[in-house]
Amino acid sequence: MNYLAHLFLSEGTPESLIGNLLGDFVKGSIENMYPKEITKGIYLHRKIDSYTDSHPVFRSSKRLISLNRRRFSGIMIDVFYDHFLAKNWSHYSNIKLKDFTNYVYQVLQDNQNILPERLKAIIPNMISRDWLASYKESAGINRAINGLSHRIKRKNNLFGGVEELFLNYQQLQADFSIFFPELIDYTLTLSSEQ
């Protein structure tokens, strides 16, 4: 899943939001790097990623991506699923999307001192362009995919990849509507086990 979904699936506390976002920015062992609740959020992020990558519906969505972009299909589907979450936000949350994103941005600003440099560097752009809410529109998805194409160091053909969303829109939306409630249930199960 991409940023919006990970943040949505967090426990909603500042520490959980930070941890769930940090999962994309810290690799390897994280023992004693962060407070307990942030570490818990990072582990939740990793479990969500593992669940997602092995889920048959997510795998089916990946196969919809054209062969010439299939190598990056997981990244693309993560972003496309964030589009469907943003677009259908009111089906999953009683909090308005804009209120949620403003809360997230405030938490990030208030806690910059503990964030990795890579994340700190993107926060101003994330806030000014309202990345999280912008996923609701195809232009926001286009910016996200094109931005990823520049940030990935190895050669890729992600630029213009939003066309994959348009080519498979109905099926991807149907896949998301099956997959995401199952992911929510999985995440709630993890929370109840702790």
N, C-alpha and C. Protein backbone atom coordinates (compact mmCIF):
# COMPACT_ATOMS: atom_id res chain seq x y z
N MET A 1 0.84 -1.18 0.00
CA MET A 1 0.00 0.00 0.00
C MET A 1 0.89 1.24 0.00
N ASN A 2 0.29 2.34 -0.40
CA ASN A 2 1.04 3.59 -0.47
C ASN A 2 0.74 4.45 0.78
N TYR A 3 1.25 5.67 0.80
CA TYR A 3 1.20 6.52 2.00
C TYR A 3 -0.20 6.63 2.62
N LEU A 4 -1.19 6.98 1.81
CA LEU A 4 -2.52 7.25 2.37
C LEU A 4 -3.08 6.02 3.07
N ALA A 5 -2.98 4.87 2.44
CA ALA A 5 -3.53 3.65 3.04
C ALA A 5 -2.80 3.31 4.34
N HIS A 6 -1.48 3.41 4.34
CA HIS A 6 -0.73 3.10 5.56
C HIS A 6 -1.13 4.04 6.70
N LEU A 7 -1.29 5.31 6.39
CA LEU A 7 -1.69 6.27 7.41
C LEU A 7 -3.11 5.98 7.90
N PHE A 8 -4.01 5.66 6.98
CA PHE A 8 -5.38 5.33 7.34
C PHE A 8 -5.42 4.11 8.27
N LEU A 9 -4.59 3.11 7.98
CA LEU A 9 -4.60 1.86 8.74
C LEU A 9 -3.85 1.94 10.06
N SER A 10 -3.22 3.08 10.33
CA SER A 10 -2.53 3.26 11.60
C SER A 10 -3.57 3.35 12.72
N GLU A 11 -3.09 3.39 13.93
CA GLU A 11 -4.01 3.52 15.07
C GLU A 11 -4.48 4.96 15.27
N GLY A 12 -3.95 5.89 14.47
CA GLY A 12 -4.42 7.27 14.52
C GLY A 12 -3.67 8.16 15.49
N THR A 13 -2.86 7.57 16.35
CA THR A 13 -2.05 8.39 17.26
C THR A 13 -0.89 8.98 16.47
N PRO A 14 -0.31 10.08 16.94
CA PRO A 14 0.86 10.62 16.25
C PRO A 14 1.98 9.59 16.07
N GLU A 15 2.23 8.81 17.11
CA GLU A 15 3.30 7.81 17.04
C GLU A 15 2.99 6.73 16.00
N SER A 16 1.75 6.28 15.97
CA SER A 16 1.38 5.25 15.00
C SER A 16 1.41 5.79 13.57
N LEU A 17 0.95 7.01 13.37
CA LEU A 17 1.02 7.63 12.05
C LEU A 17 2.47 7.72 11.58
N ILE A 18 3.34 8.21 12.46
CA ILE A 18 4.75 8.35 12.10
C ILE A 18 5.35 6.99 11.77
N GLY A 19 5.11 6.01 12.62
CA GLY A 19 5.65 4.67 12.38
C GLY A 19 5.17 4.07 11.08
N ASN A 20 3.89 4.22 10.80
CA ASN A 20 3.34 3.65 9.57
C ASN A 20 3.87 4.34 8.33
N LEU A 21 4.22 5.60 8.43
CA LEU A 21 4.83 6.30 7.31
C LEU A 21 6.32 5.96 7.21
N LEU A 22 6.98 5.83 8.34
CA LEU A 22 8.42 5.53 8.35
C LEU A 22 8.74 4.18 7.71
N GLY A 23 7.77 3.30 7.65
CA GLY A 23 8.00 1.99 7.06
C GLY A 23 8.57 2.06 5.65
N ASP A 24 8.31 3.14 4.94
CA ASP A 24 8.88 3.32 3.60
C ASP A 24 10.25 3.98 3.62
N PHE A 25 10.69 4.42 4.77
CA PHE A 25 11.93 5.20 4.85
C PHE A 25 13.02 4.55 5.69
N VAL A 26 12.69 3.54 6.47
CA VAL A 26 13.71 2.83 7.25
C VAL A 26 13.69 1.36 6.88
N LYS A 27 14.87 0.80 6.75
CA LYS A 27 15.01 -0.60 6.37
C LYS A 27 15.81 -1.34 7.43
N GLY A 28 15.68 -2.64 7.42
CA GLY A 28 16.47 -3.46 8.34
C GLY A 28 16.00 -3.36 9.77
N SER A 29 16.91 -3.64 10.67
CA SER A 29 16.59 -3.64 12.10
C SER A 29 16.32 -2.22 12.59
N ILE A 30 15.28 -2.10 13.39
CA ILE A 30 14.91 -0.78 13.93
C ILE A 30 14.92 -0.79 15.46
N GLU A 31 15.43 -1.86 16.03
CA GLU A 31 15.45 -1.96 17.49
C GLU A 31 16.20 -0.78 18.10
N ASN A 32 15.59 -0.18 19.09
CA ASN A 32 16.16 0.94 19.85
C ASN A 32 16.40 2.20 19.03
N MET A 33 15.81 2.28 17.85
CA MET A 33 15.95 3.50 17.03
C MET A 33 14.87 4.52 17.36
N TYR A 34 13.68 4.01 17.72
CA TYR A 34 12.51 4.86 17.92
C TYR A 34 11.77 4.43 19.18
N PRO A 35 10.93 5.31 19.71
CA PRO A 35 10.09 4.91 20.84
C PRO A 35 9.20 3.71 20.47
N LYS A 36 8.74 3.02 21.48
CA LYS A 36 8.00 1.77 21.32
C LYS A 36 6.81 1.90 20.36
N GLU A 37 6.00 2.94 20.50
CA GLU A 37 4.80 3.06 19.67
C GLU A 37 5.12 3.36 18.21
N ILE A 38 6.20 4.07 17.96
CA ILE A 38 6.62 4.31 16.57
C ILE A 38 7.15 3.01 15.96
N THR A 39 7.95 2.28 16.74
CA THR A 39 8.45 0.98 16.28
C THR A 39 7.29 0.05 15.96
N LYS A 40 6.29 0.05 16.80
CA LYS A 40 5.09 -0.77 16.57
C LYS A 40 4.43 -0.39 15.23
N GLY A 41 4.38 0.91 14.94
CA GLY A 41 3.82 1.37 13.67
C GLY A 41 4.63 0.92 12.47
N ILE A 42 5.96 0.92 12.60
CA ILE A 42 6.82 0.46 11.51
C ILE A 42 6.57 -1.02 11.26
N TYR A 43 6.47 -1.80 12.34
CA TYR A 43 6.19 -3.23 12.17
C TYR A 43 4.81 -3.45 11.54
N LEU A 44 3.84 -2.64 11.91
CA LEU A 44 2.52 -2.75 11.28
C LEU A 44 2.63 -2.48 9.78
N HIS A 45 3.37 -1.46 9.42
CA HIS A 45 3.59 -1.13 8.01
C HIS A 45 4.15 -2.35 7.27
N ARG A 46 5.14 -2.98 7.85
CA ARG A 46 5.78 -4.14 7.21
C ARG A 46 4.81 -5.31 7.08
N LYS A 47 4.00 -5.53 8.11
CA LYS A 47 3.01 -6.62 8.03
C LYS A 47 1.96 -6.33 6.96
N ILE A 48 1.54 -5.08 6.86
CA ILE A 48 0.57 -4.69 5.82
C ILE A 48 1.16 -4.92 4.44
N ASP A 49 2.42 -4.55 4.26
CA ASP A 49 3.08 -4.76 2.96
C ASP A 49 3.16 -6.25 2.62
N SER A 50 3.52 -7.08 3.60
CA SER A 50 3.61 -8.52 3.35
C SER A 50 2.25 -9.11 3.00
N TYR A 51 1.24 -8.72 3.76
CA TYR A 51 -0.12 -9.19 3.49
C TYR A 51 -0.56 -8.78 2.08
N THR A 52 -0.32 -7.52 1.76
CA THR A 52 -0.72 -6.97 0.46
C THR A 52 -0.02 -7.71 -0.67
N ASP A 53 1.29 -7.85 -0.58
CA ASP A 53 2.06 -8.48 -1.66
C ASP A 53 1.66 -9.92 -1.92
N SER A 54 1.17 -10.61 -0.91
CA SER A 54 0.79 -12.01 -1.08
C SER A 54 -0.70 -12.21 -1.36
N HIS A 55 -1.47 -11.14 -1.33
CA HIS A 55 -2.93 -11.26 -1.50
C HIS A 55 -3.28 -11.55 -2.98
N PRO A 56 -4.14 -12.54 -3.23
CA PRO A 56 -4.47 -12.89 -4.62
C PRO A 56 -5.12 -11.76 -5.41
N VAL A 57 -5.90 -10.90 -4.78
CA VAL A 57 -6.53 -9.80 -5.50
C VAL A 57 -5.48 -8.77 -5.91
N PHE A 58 -4.57 -8.47 -5.00
CA PHE A 58 -3.48 -7.53 -5.33
C PHE A 58 -2.64 -8.10 -6.47
N ARG A 59 -2.34 -9.37 -6.41
CA ARG A 59 -1.56 -10.01 -7.48
C ARG A 59 -2.30 -9.97 -8.81
N SER A 60 -3.60 -10.14 -8.75
CA SER A 60 -4.42 -10.06 -9.97
C SER A 60 -4.38 -8.64 -10.54
N SER A 61 -4.44 -7.64 -9.68
CA SER A 61 -4.34 -6.26 -10.13
C SER A 61 -3.00 -6.00 -10.81
N LYS A 62 -1.94 -6.55 -10.26
CA LYS A 62 -0.61 -6.36 -10.84
C LYS A 62 -0.54 -6.92 -12.27
N ARG A 63 -1.24 -8.01 -12.50
CA ARG A 63 -1.21 -8.62 -13.84
C ARG A 63 -1.94 -7.77 -14.88
N LEU A 64 -2.72 -6.78 -14.45
CA LEU A 64 -3.40 -5.89 -15.39
C LEU A 64 -2.43 -4.88 -16.01
N ILE A 65 -1.33 -4.65 -15.37
CA ILE A 65 -0.35 -3.67 -15.87
C ILE A 65 0.34 -4.25 -17.11
N SER A 66 0.52 -3.42 -18.11
CA SER A 66 1.12 -3.88 -19.37
C SER A 66 2.52 -4.46 -19.14
N LEU A 67 2.89 -5.38 -19.99
CA LEU A 67 4.15 -6.10 -19.82
C LEU A 67 5.36 -5.18 -19.74
N ASN A 68 5.36 -4.10 -20.50
CA ASN A 68 6.53 -3.23 -20.50
C ASN A 68 6.69 -2.46 -19.18
N ARG A 69 5.65 -2.42 -18.34
CA ARG A 69 5.75 -1.77 -17.03
C ARG A 69 5.56 -2.76 -15.88
N ARG A 70 5.43 -4.01 -16.19
CA ARG A 70 5.08 -5.01 -15.16
C ARG A 70 6.11 -5.08 -14.04
N ARG A 71 7.36 -4.80 -14.34
CA ARG A 71 8.40 -4.86 -13.30
C ARG A 71 8.06 -3.94 -12.12
N PHE A 72 7.37 -2.85 -12.39
CA PHE A 72 7.02 -1.87 -11.36
C PHE A 72 5.52 -1.91 -11.02
N SER A 73 4.88 -3.01 -11.36
CA SER A 73 3.42 -3.09 -11.17
C SER A 73 3.01 -2.97 -9.71
N GLY A 74 3.79 -3.51 -8.80
CA GLY A 74 3.44 -3.41 -7.38
C GLY A 74 3.40 -1.98 -6.90
N ILE A 75 4.40 -1.21 -7.31
CA ILE A 75 4.45 0.22 -6.96
C ILE A 75 3.23 0.94 -7.54
N MET A 76 2.93 0.64 -8.80
CA MET A 76 1.81 1.31 -9.46
C MET A 76 0.48 0.98 -8.79
N ILE A 77 0.28 -0.29 -8.49
CA ILE A 77 -0.99 -0.68 -7.86
C ILE A 77 -1.11 -0.06 -6.47
N ASP A 78 -0.01 0.02 -5.73
CA ASP A 78 -0.04 0.71 -4.44
C ASP A 78 -0.60 2.13 -4.59
N VAL A 79 -0.11 2.85 -5.57
CA VAL A 79 -0.54 4.23 -5.79
C VAL A 79 -1.98 4.26 -6.30
N PHE A 80 -2.32 3.36 -7.21
CA PHE A 80 -3.68 3.33 -7.74
C PHE A 80 -4.69 3.00 -6.64
N TYR A 81 -4.33 2.10 -5.75
CA TYR A 81 -5.24 1.77 -4.64
C TYR A 81 -5.42 2.98 -3.72
N ASP A 82 -4.37 3.79 -3.54
CA ASP A 82 -4.54 5.03 -2.77
C ASP A 82 -5.55 5.96 -3.46
N HIS A 83 -5.57 5.94 -4.78
CA HIS A 83 -6.55 6.74 -5.52
C HIS A 83 -7.97 6.30 -5.15
N PHE A 84 -8.19 4.99 -5.16
CA PHE A 84 -9.54 4.49 -4.85
C PHE A 84 -9.90 4.72 -3.39
N LEU A 85 -8.92 4.68 -2.50
CA LEU A 85 -9.19 5.00 -1.10
C LEU A 85 -9.59 6.47 -0.97
N ALA A 86 -8.82 7.36 -1.58
CA ALA A 86 -9.14 8.79 -1.50
C ALA A 86 -10.48 9.09 -2.14
N LYS A 87 -10.73 8.50 -3.28
CA LYS A 87 -11.97 8.73 -4.01
C LYS A 87 -13.20 8.25 -3.22
N ASN A 88 -13.03 7.18 -2.49
CA ASN A 88 -14.15 6.57 -1.75
C ASN A 88 -13.96 6.72 -0.24
N TRP A 89 -13.23 7.73 0.16
CA TRP A 89 -12.86 7.93 1.55
C TRP A 89 -14.05 7.83 2.51
N SER A 90 -15.16 8.44 2.15
CA SER A 90 -16.31 8.46 3.06
C SER A 90 -16.92 7.08 3.30
N HIS A 91 -16.59 6.10 2.46
CA HIS A 91 -17.04 4.72 2.70
C HIS A 91 -16.26 4.07 3.83
N TYR A 92 -15.06 4.59 4.09
CA TYR A 92 -14.18 3.94 5.06
C TYR A 92 -13.94 4.76 6.32
N SER A 93 -14.25 6.05 6.28
CA SER A 93 -13.95 6.91 7.42
C SER A 93 -15.06 7.92 7.66
N ASN A 94 -15.30 8.24 8.92
CA ASN A 94 -16.25 9.29 9.28
C ASN A 94 -15.58 10.66 9.32
N ILE A 95 -14.26 10.66 9.25
CA ILE A 95 -13.50 11.91 9.24
C ILE A 95 -13.32 12.35 7.79
N LYS A 96 -13.51 13.62 7.52
CA LYS A 96 -13.32 14.12 6.15
C LYS A 96 -11.85 13.94 5.74
N LEU A 97 -11.64 13.63 4.47
CA LEU A 97 -10.29 13.41 3.96
C LEU A 97 -9.40 14.62 4.25
N LYS A 98 -9.88 15.79 4.00
CA LYS A 98 -9.08 17.01 4.22
C LYS A 98 -8.71 17.16 5.70
N ASP A 99 -9.63 16.85 6.60
CA ASP A 99 -9.33 16.93 8.03
C ASP A 99 -8.25 15.91 8.41
N PHE A 100 -8.35 14.71 7.84
CA PHE A 100 -7.36 13.67 8.11
C PHE A 100 -5.98 14.09 7.60
N THR A 101 -5.92 14.56 6.36
CA THR A 101 -4.62 14.93 5.80
C THR A 101 -4.01 16.12 6.55
N ASN A 102 -4.83 17.08 6.95
CA ASN A 102 -4.31 18.21 7.74
C ASN A 102 -3.72 17.73 9.06
N TYR A 103 -4.40 16.77 9.69
CA TYR A 103 -3.90 16.20 10.95
C TYR A 103 -2.56 15.52 10.72
N VAL A 104 -2.45 14.72 9.66
CA VAL A 104 -1.20 14.03 9.35
C VAL A 104 -0.08 15.04 9.12
N TYR A 105 -0.36 16.07 8.33
CA TYR A 105 0.68 17.07 8.04
C TYR A 105 1.13 17.78 9.31
N GLN A 106 0.20 18.05 10.21
CA GLN A 106 0.56 18.71 11.47
C GLN A 106 1.45 17.80 12.32
N VAL A 107 1.09 16.51 12.37
CA VAL A 107 1.90 15.54 13.12
C VAL A 107 3.32 15.48 12.55
N LEU A 108 3.44 15.47 11.24
CA LEU A 108 4.76 15.42 10.61
C LEU A 108 5.57 16.68 10.91
N GLN A 109 4.92 17.82 10.83
CA GLN A 109 5.62 19.08 11.13
C GLN A 109 6.06 19.13 12.60
N ASP A 110 5.20 18.66 13.49
CA ASP A 110 5.51 18.71 14.91
C ASP A 110 6.61 17.74 15.32
N ASN A 111 6.88 16.75 14.49
CA ASN A 111 7.83 15.70 14.86
C ASN A 111 9.01 15.57 13.90
N GLN A 112 9.31 16.64 13.20
CA GLN A 112 10.40 16.59 12.22
C GLN A 112 11.74 16.19 12.82
N ASN A 113 11.93 16.51 14.09
CA ASN A 113 13.22 16.21 14.72
C ASN A 113 13.54 14.73 14.78
N ILE A 114 12.56 13.86 14.68
CA ILE A 114 12.83 12.41 14.75
C ILE A 114 12.72 11.73 13.38
N LEU A 115 12.41 12.49 12.34
CA LEU A 115 12.21 11.90 11.02
C LEU A 115 13.53 11.78 10.26
N PRO A 116 13.64 10.74 9.43
CA PRO A 116 14.84 10.63 8.59
C PRO A 116 14.93 11.79 7.61
N GLU A 117 16.14 12.13 7.21
CA GLU A 117 16.37 13.27 6.31
C GLU A 117 15.56 13.16 5.02
N ARG A 118 15.49 11.95 4.45
CA ARG A 118 14.74 11.77 3.20
C ARG A 118 13.28 12.17 3.34
N LEU A 119 12.68 11.81 4.48
CA LEU A 119 11.28 12.17 4.72
C LEU A 119 11.17 13.67 5.01
N LYS A 120 12.06 14.20 5.82
CA LYS A 120 12.04 15.63 6.11
C LYS A 120 12.11 16.46 4.83
N ALA A 121 12.89 15.98 3.87
CA ALA A 121 13.09 16.72 2.62
C ALA A 121 11.82 16.82 1.79
N ILE A 122 10.94 15.83 1.90
CA ILE A 122 9.73 15.85 1.05
C ILE A 122 8.51 16.47 1.74
N ILE A 123 8.59 16.65 3.05
CA ILE A 123 7.42 17.17 3.78
C ILE A 123 6.91 18.51 3.25
N PRO A 124 7.76 19.50 2.99
CA PRO A 124 7.22 20.77 2.48
C PRO A 124 6.44 20.60 1.18
N ASN A 125 6.96 19.80 0.27
CA ASN A 125 6.28 19.55 -1.00
C ASN A 125 5.01 18.73 -0.78
N MET A 126 5.08 17.76 0.11
CA MET A 126 3.91 16.93 0.42
C MET A 126 2.76 17.81 0.92
N ILE A 127 3.08 18.76 1.79
CA ILE A 127 2.05 19.63 2.36
C ILE A 127 1.57 20.65 1.35
N SER A 128 2.49 21.34 0.68
CA SER A 128 2.08 22.41 -0.24
C SER A 128 1.25 21.87 -1.41
N ARG A 129 1.56 20.65 -1.84
CA ARG A 129 0.79 20.05 -2.95
C ARG A 129 -0.32 19.13 -2.45
N ASP A 130 -0.43 19.00 -1.13
CA ASP A 130 -1.43 18.14 -0.50
C ASP A 130 -1.46 16.77 -1.17
N TRP A 131 -0.30 16.13 -1.18
CA TRP A 131 -0.16 14.84 -1.84
C TRP A 131 -1.27 13.87 -1.47
N LEU A 132 -1.53 13.72 -0.17
CA LEU A 132 -2.45 12.68 0.27
C LEU A 132 -3.86 12.86 -0.28
N ALA A 133 -4.38 14.07 -0.22
CA ALA A 133 -5.72 14.32 -0.76
C ALA A 133 -5.71 14.38 -2.28
N SER A 134 -4.56 14.73 -2.87
CA SER A 134 -4.49 14.84 -4.33
C SER A 134 -4.64 13.49 -5.02
N TYR A 135 -4.44 12.40 -4.28
CA TYR A 135 -4.61 11.07 -4.87
C TYR A 135 -6.04 10.85 -5.36
N LYS A 136 -6.94 11.66 -4.88
CA LYS A 136 -8.35 11.53 -5.28
C LYS A 136 -8.54 11.82 -6.78
N GLU A 137 -7.70 12.67 -7.33
CA GLU A 137 -7.80 13.09 -8.73
C GLU A 137 -6.72 12.41 -9.57
N SER A 138 -7.03 12.20 -10.84
CA SER A 138 -6.06 11.54 -11.72
C SER A 138 -4.79 12.38 -11.87
N ALA A 139 -4.90 13.69 -11.80
CA ALA A 139 -3.71 14.55 -11.90
C ALA A 139 -2.77 14.28 -10.72
N GLY A 140 -3.31 14.04 -9.55
CA GLY A 140 -2.49 13.72 -8.38
C GLY A 140 -1.79 12.39 -8.53
N ILE A 141 -2.49 11.42 -9.10
CA ILE A 141 -1.88 10.11 -9.35
C ILE A 141 -0.80 10.24 -10.41
N ASN A 142 -1.06 11.04 -11.43
CA ASN A 142 -0.07 11.26 -12.48
C ASN A 142 1.20 11.86 -11.88
N ARG A 143 1.04 12.88 -11.01
CA ARG A 143 2.20 13.49 -10.35
C ARG A 143 2.96 12.46 -9.50
N ALA A 144 2.21 11.64 -8.78
CA ALA A 144 2.84 10.64 -7.90
C ALA A 144 3.65 9.63 -8.71
N ILE A 145 3.06 9.11 -9.77
CA ILE A 145 3.76 8.11 -10.59
C ILE A 145 4.96 8.73 -11.28
N ASN A 146 4.79 9.92 -11.84
CA ASN A 146 5.91 10.58 -12.51
C ASN A 146 7.02 10.94 -11.52
N GLY A 147 6.62 11.34 -10.32
CA GLY A 147 7.61 11.62 -9.28
C GLY A 147 8.40 10.38 -8.90
N LEU A 148 7.71 9.26 -8.80
CA LEU A 148 8.39 8.00 -8.51
C LEU A 148 9.38 7.64 -9.61
N SER A 149 8.99 7.91 -10.84
CA SER A 149 9.88 7.57 -11.97
C SER A 149 11.21 8.31 -11.85
N HIS A 150 11.19 9.52 -11.27
CA HIS A 150 12.43 10.28 -11.10
C HIS A 150 13.21 9.86 -9.85
N ARG A 151 12.49 9.40 -8.81
CA ARG A 151 13.17 9.04 -7.56
C ARG A 151 13.80 7.65 -7.60
N ILE A 152 13.27 6.77 -8.44
CA ILE A 152 13.85 5.42 -8.54
C ILE A 152 15.17 5.53 -9.29
N LYS A 153 16.22 5.05 -8.67
CA LYS A 153 17.56 5.24 -9.23
C LYS A 153 17.79 4.41 -10.50
N ARG A 154 17.23 3.22 -10.54
CA ARG A 154 17.46 2.39 -11.73
C ARG A 154 16.55 2.82 -12.87
N LYS A 155 16.95 2.46 -14.06
CA LYS A 155 16.18 2.81 -15.25
C LYS A 155 14.77 2.24 -15.13
N ASN A 156 13.78 3.07 -15.49
CA ASN A 156 12.39 2.62 -15.41
C ASN A 156 11.56 3.36 -16.45
N ASN A 157 10.36 2.85 -16.67
CA ASN A 157 9.45 3.50 -17.59
C ASN A 157 8.12 3.82 -16.90
N LEU A 158 8.23 4.26 -15.66
CA LEU A 158 7.04 4.63 -14.90
C LEU A 158 6.41 5.93 -15.40
N PHE A 159 7.23 6.83 -15.94
CA PHE A 159 6.70 8.13 -16.38
C PHE A 159 5.52 7.90 -17.34
N GLY A 160 4.40 8.58 -17.07
CA GLY A 160 3.20 8.41 -17.89
C GLY A 160 2.39 7.18 -17.52
N GLY A 161 2.80 6.50 -16.47
CA GLY A 161 2.15 5.25 -16.07
C GLY A 161 0.71 5.39 -15.60
N VAL A 162 0.25 6.61 -15.42
CA VAL A 162 -1.16 6.80 -15.03
C VAL A 162 -2.09 6.22 -16.10
N GLU A 163 -1.59 6.09 -17.33
CA GLU A 163 -2.42 5.50 -18.39
C GLU A 163 -2.83 4.08 -18.03
N GLU A 164 -2.03 3.38 -17.23
CA GLU A 164 -2.39 2.03 -16.80
C GLU A 164 -3.64 2.05 -15.92
N LEU A 165 -3.78 3.12 -15.14
CA LEU A 165 -4.99 3.28 -14.33
C LEU A 165 -6.20 3.45 -15.23
N PHE A 166 -6.08 4.30 -16.23
CA PHE A 166 -7.22 4.56 -17.12
C PHE A 166 -7.59 3.34 -17.94
N LEU A 167 -6.60 2.58 -18.37
CA LEU A 167 -6.86 1.40 -19.19
C LEU A 167 -7.58 0.30 -18.43
N ASN A 168 -7.40 0.28 -17.11
CA ASN A 168 -7.94 -0.82 -16.29
C ASN A 168 -8.82 -0.32 -15.14
N TYR A 169 -9.40 0.85 -15.31
CA TYR A 169 -10.03 1.55 -14.20
C TYR A 169 -11.10 0.71 -13.49
N GLN A 170 -12.05 0.19 -14.24
CA GLN A 170 -13.16 -0.54 -13.61
C GLN A 170 -12.68 -1.77 -12.85
N GLN A 171 -11.77 -2.53 -13.49
CA GLN A 171 -11.29 -3.74 -12.83
C GLN A 171 -10.45 -3.42 -11.61
N LEU A 172 -9.62 -2.41 -11.70
CA LEU A 172 -8.81 -2.03 -10.54
C LEU A 172 -9.70 -1.54 -9.39
N GLN A 173 -10.73 -0.79 -9.73
CA GLN A 173 -11.66 -0.32 -8.68
C GLN A 173 -12.39 -1.50 -8.04
N ALA A 174 -12.80 -2.46 -8.86
CA ALA A 174 -13.47 -3.66 -8.34
C ALA A 174 -12.51 -4.45 -7.44
N ASP A 175 -11.25 -4.59 -7.89
CA ASP A 175 -10.26 -5.30 -7.08
C ASP A 175 -10.06 -4.60 -5.73
N PHE A 176 -9.93 -3.29 -5.78
CA PHE A 176 -9.73 -2.53 -4.54
C PHE A 176 -10.91 -2.73 -3.59
N SER A 177 -12.12 -2.70 -4.12
CA SER A 177 -13.30 -2.80 -3.26
C SER A 177 -13.41 -4.18 -2.60
N ILE A 178 -12.77 -5.19 -3.18
CA ILE A 178 -12.71 -6.51 -2.54
C ILE A 178 -11.55 -6.55 -1.55
N PHE A 179 -10.41 -6.09 -2.00
CA PHE A 179 -9.18 -6.20 -1.22
C PHE A 179 -9.18 -5.34 0.04
N PHE A 180 -9.56 -4.08 -0.06
CA PHE A 180 -9.33 -3.16 1.05
C PHE A 180 -10.11 -3.53 2.32
N PRO A 181 -11.38 -3.93 2.22
CA PRO A 181 -12.05 -4.35 3.46
C PRO A 181 -11.36 -5.56 4.12
N GLU A 182 -10.80 -6.45 3.31
CA GLU A 182 -10.06 -7.58 3.87
C GLU A 182 -8.79 -7.11 4.56
N LEU A 183 -8.13 -6.11 3.99
CA LEU A 183 -6.93 -5.55 4.61
C LEU A 183 -7.29 -4.85 5.93
N ILE A 184 -8.40 -4.14 5.95
CA ILE A 184 -8.85 -3.51 7.19
C ILE A 184 -9.08 -4.57 8.26
N ASP A 185 -9.77 -5.65 7.90
CA ASP A 185 -10.03 -6.74 8.86
C ASP A 185 -8.72 -7.34 9.37
N TYR A 186 -7.77 -7.55 8.46
CA TYR A 186 -6.47 -8.10 8.85
C TYR A 186 -5.79 -7.16 9.85
N THR A 187 -5.81 -5.88 9.58
CA THR A 187 -5.17 -4.89 10.45
C THR A 187 -5.85 -4.86 11.82
N LEU A 188 -7.17 -4.94 11.82
CA LEU A 188 -7.89 -4.96 13.10
C LEU A 188 -7.56 -6.22 13.90
N THR A 189 -7.36 -7.32 13.21
CA THR A 189 -6.96 -8.56 13.88
C THR A 189 -5.60 -8.40 14.54
N LEU A 190 -4.67 -7.76 13.82
CA LEU A 190 -3.35 -7.52 14.39
C LEU A 190 -3.44 -6.65 15.65
N SER A 191 -4.28 -5.62 15.59
CA SER A 191 -4.44 -4.71 16.74
C SER A 191 -5.01 -5.44 17.95
N SER A 192 -5.96 -6.34 17.69
CA SER A 192 -6.60 -7.05 18.81
C SER A 192 -5.67 -8.08 19.44
N GLU A 193 -4.64 -8.51 18.70
CA GLU A 193 -3.68 -9.49 19.23
C GLU A 193 -2.67 -8.84 20.15
N GLN A 194 -2.53 -7.52 20.11
CA GLN A 194 -1.49 -6.86 20.90
C GLN A 194 -1.99 -6.45 22.26
